[in-house]
C-alpha atoms as a PDB file:
ATOM      1  CA  MET A   1       0.000   0.000   0.000  1.00  0.00           C
ATOM      2  CA  SER A   2       2.836   2.416   0.816  1.00  0.00           C
ATOM      3  CA  GLN A   3       4.364   1.888  -2.645  1.00  0.00           C
ATOM      4  CA  LEU A   4       1.015   2.632  -4.275  1.00  0.00           C
ATOM      5  CA  LEU A   5       0.650   5.850  -2.301  1.00  0.00           C
ATOM      6  CA  GLU A   6       4.224   6.869  -3.121  1.00  0.00           C
ATOM      7  CA  THR A   7       3.535   6.142  -6.790  1.00  0.00           C
ATOM      8  CA  LEU A   8       0.389   8.268  -6.757  1.00  0.00           C
ATOM      9  CA  MET A   9       2.288  11.110  -5.088  1.00  0.00           C
ATOM     10  CA  MET A  10       5.073  10.907  -7.674  1.00  0.00           C
ATOM     11  CA  ILE A  11       2.606  10.805 -10.572  1.00  0.00           C
ATOM     12  CA  SER A  12       0.628  13.729  -9.177  1.00  0.00           C
ATOM     13  CA  PHE A  13       3.753  15.764  -8.611  1.00  0.00           C
ATOM     14  CA  GLY A  14       5.269  14.692 -11.911  1.00  0.00           C
ATOM     15  CA  LEU A  15       2.288  15.753 -14.014  1.00  0.00           C
ATOM     16  CA  SER A  16       3.285  19.402 -13.717  1.00  0.00           C
ATOM     17  CA  TRP A  17       6.771  18.942 -15.175  1.00  0.00           C
ATOM     18  CA  PRO A  18       5.818  18.209 -18.792  1.00  0.00           C
ATOM     19  CA  ILE A  19       3.652  21.332 -18.711  1.00  0.00           C
ATOM     20  CA  SER A  20       6.567  23.341 -17.364  1.00  0.00           C
ATOM     21  CA  VAL A  21       8.890  21.976 -20.062  1.00  0.00           C
ATOM     22  CA  TYR A  22       6.360  22.848 -22.778  1.00  0.00           C
ATOM     23  CA  LYS A  23       5.957  26.385 -21.438  1.00  0.00           C
ATOM     24  CA  SER A  24       9.740  26.828 -21.199  1.00  0.00           C
ATOM     25  CA  TYR A  25      10.162  25.620 -24.767  1.00  0.00           C
ATOM     26  CA  LYS A  26       7.460  27.909 -26.140  1.00  0.00           C
ATOM     27  CA  ALA A  27       8.379  30.982 -24.061  1.00  0.00           C
ATOM     28  CA  ARG A  28      12.014  31.069 -25.199  1.00  0.00           C
ATOM     29  CA  SER A  29      12.723  33.146 -22.078  1.00  0.00           C
ATOM     30  CA  ALA A  30      13.999  32.289 -18.616  1.00  0.00           C
ATOM     31  CA  GLN A  31      11.996  35.085 -17.031  1.00  0.00           C
ATOM     32  CA  GLY A  32       9.835  33.769 -14.243  1.00  0.00           C
ATOM     33  CA  LYS A  33      11.942  30.631 -13.797  1.00  0.00           C
ATOM     34  CA  SER A  34      14.032  29.984 -10.714  1.00  0.00           C
ATOM     35  CA  LEU A  35      17.309  28.136 -11.209  1.00  0.00           C
ATOM     36  CA  VAL A  36      17.555  27.515  -7.450  1.00  0.00           C
ATOM     37  CA  PHE A  37      14.081  25.952  -7.428  1.00  0.00           C
ATOM     38  CA  LEU A  38      14.833  23.716 -10.419  1.00  0.00           C
ATOM     39  CA  LEU A  39      18.131  22.597  -8.885  1.00  0.00           C
ATOM     40  CA  ALA A  40      16.448  21.891  -5.539  1.00  0.00           C
ATOM     41  CA  ILE A  41      13.828  19.700  -7.228  1.00  0.00           C
ATOM     42  CA  TRP A  42      16.520  17.972  -9.305  1.00  0.00           C
ATOM     43  CA  LEU A  43      18.571  17.297  -6.168  1.00  0.00           C
ATOM     44  CA  GLY A  44      15.466  15.980  -4.425  1.00  0.00           C
ATOM     45  CA  TYR A  45      14.940  13.420  -7.175  1.00  0.00           C
ATOM     46  CA  ILE A  46      18.605  12.420  -7.021  1.00  0.00           C
ATOM     47  CA  CYS A  47      18.261  11.889  -3.257  1.00  0.00           C
ATOM     48  CA  GLY A  48      15.028   9.928  -3.715  1.00  0.00           C
ATOM     49  CA  ILE A  49      16.600   7.688  -6.347  1.00  0.00           C
ATOM     50  CA  SER A  50      19.714   7.199  -4.209  1.00  0.00           C
ATOM     51  CA  GLY A  51      17.575   6.349  -1.198  1.00  0.00           C
ATOM     52  CA  LYS A  52      15.678   3.737  -3.181  1.00  0.00           C
ATOM     53  CA  ILE A  53      18.885   2.142  -4.468  1.00  0.00           C
ATOM     54  CA  LEU A  54      20.813   2.284  -1.173  1.00  0.00           C
ATOM     55  CA  GLY A  55      17.809   0.966   0.746  1.00  0.00           C
ATOM     56  CA  GLY A  56      17.441  -1.932  -1.653  1.00  0.00           C
ATOM     57  CA  ASN A  57      13.902  -0.794  -2.375  1.00  0.00           C
ATOM     58  CA  ILE A  58      14.144  -1.072  -6.135  1.00  0.00           C
ATOM     59  CA  ASN A  59      10.638  -1.330  -7.584  1.00  0.00           C
ATOM     60  CA  TYR A  60       8.368   0.292 -10.159  1.00  0.00           C
ATOM     61  CA  VAL A  61       8.303   3.548  -8.185  1.00  0.00           C
ATOM     62  CA  LEU A  62      11.983   4.009  -9.061  1.00  0.00           C
ATOM     63  CA  VAL A  63      10.974   4.242 -12.734  1.00  0.00           C
ATOM     64  CA  ILE A  64       8.688   7.172 -11.927  1.00  0.00           C
ATOM     65  CA  TYR A  65      11.506   8.900 -10.029  1.00  0.00           C
ATOM     66  CA  LEU A  66      13.743   8.431 -13.084  1.00  0.00           C
ATOM     67  CA  ILE A  67      11.109   9.747 -15.510  1.00  0.00           C
ATOM     68  CA  ASN A  68      10.553  12.831 -13.349  1.00  0.00           C
ATOM     69  CA  LEU A  69      14.316  13.364 -13.090  1.00  0.00           C
ATOM     70  CA  VAL A  70      14.635  13.280 -16.887  1.00  0.00           C
ATOM     71  CA  VAL A  71      11.789  15.773 -17.337  1.00  0.00           C
ATOM     72  CA  VAL A  72      13.194  18.163 -14.705  1.00  0.00           C
ATOM     73  CA  SER A  73      16.602  17.828 -16.402  1.00  0.00           C
ATOM     74  CA  LEU A  74      14.984  18.869 -19.691  1.00  0.00           C
ATOM     75  CA  ASP A  75      13.512  21.908 -17.943  1.00  0.00           C
ATOM     76  CA  LEU A  76      16.992  22.757 -16.618  1.00  0.00           C
ATOM     77  CA  ILE A  77      18.469  22.495 -20.130  1.00  0.00           C
ATOM     78  CA  LEU A  78      15.720  24.751 -21.456  1.00  0.00           C
ATOM     79  CA  TYR A  79      16.392  27.218 -18.637  1.00  0.00           C
ATOM     80  CA  PHE A  80      20.000  27.645 -19.813  1.00  0.00           C
ATOM     81  CA  ARG A  81      18.961  27.823 -23.469  1.00  0.00           C
ATOM     82  CA  ASN A  82      16.347  30.448 -22.653  1.00  0.00           C
ATOM     83  CA  ARG A  83      18.772  32.395 -20.479  1.00  0.00           C
ATOM     84  CA  ALA A  84      21.203  32.537 -23.411  1.00  0.00           C
ATOM     85  CA  LEU A  85      18.368  33.735 -25.662  1.00  0.00           C
ATOM     86  CA  ASP A  86      17.469  36.442 -23.104  1.00  0.00           C
ATOM     87  CA  ILE A  87      21.095  37.624 -23.079  1.00  0.00           C
ATOM     88  CA  GLN A  88      21.170  37.645 -26.898  1.00  0.00           C
ATOM     89  CA  ARG A  89      17.986  39.729 -27.051  1.00  0.00           C
ATOM     90  CA  ALA A  90      19.320  42.149 -24.433  1.00  0.00           C
ATOM     91  CA  LYS A  91      22.541  42.634 -26.386  1.00  0.00           C
ATOM     92  CA  ALA A  92      20.627  43.185 -29.626  1.00  0.00           C
ATOM     93  CA  ALA A  93      18.362  45.709 -27.919  1.00  0.00           C
ATOM     94  CA  ALA A  94      21.346  47.556 -26.422  1.00  0.00           C
ATOM     95  CA  LYS A  95      23.039  47.636 -29.805  1.00  0.00           C
ATOM     96  CA  ALA A  96      19.869  48.926 -31.454  1.00  0.00           C
ATOM     97  CA  ALA A  97      19.534  51.609 -28.758  1.00  0.00           C
ATOM     98  CA  ASN A  98      23.138  52.718 -29.323  1.00  0.00           C
ATOM     99  CA  ILE A  99      22.623  52.903 -33.077  1.00  0.00           C
ATOM    100  CA  SER A 100      19.378  54.853 -32.770  1.00  0.00           C
ATOM    101  CA  GLY A 101      21.035  57.169 -30.226  1.00  0.00           C
ATOM    102  CA  VAL A 102      23.755  58.002 -32.742  1.00  0.00           C
ATOM    103  CA  ILE A 103      21.301  58.536 -35.593  1.00  0.00           C
ATOM    104  CA  GLY A 104      18.653  60.390 -33.565  1.00  0.00           C
END
């Protein structure tokens, strides 16, 4: 019963991550994202997976931990991509402002 409840918790919690990844992909901006939060969640999954393995409690719930870890890792990758895009846009805007300041 405890494994079933843990599975339901992991599925419930994990349902939000694909939505977050989709939004990150579409937004192409890191604004509103917290790197510290993403890293804390990622670390939590690492600890959960390690606890399962070290405790010898390897079962189907471990697969859900691994799936959630992969999805959170994708969100982390998108965070860094989007942060780079934000920096690119900021540089382009600054360059455009300098050019228009010279012309105007």
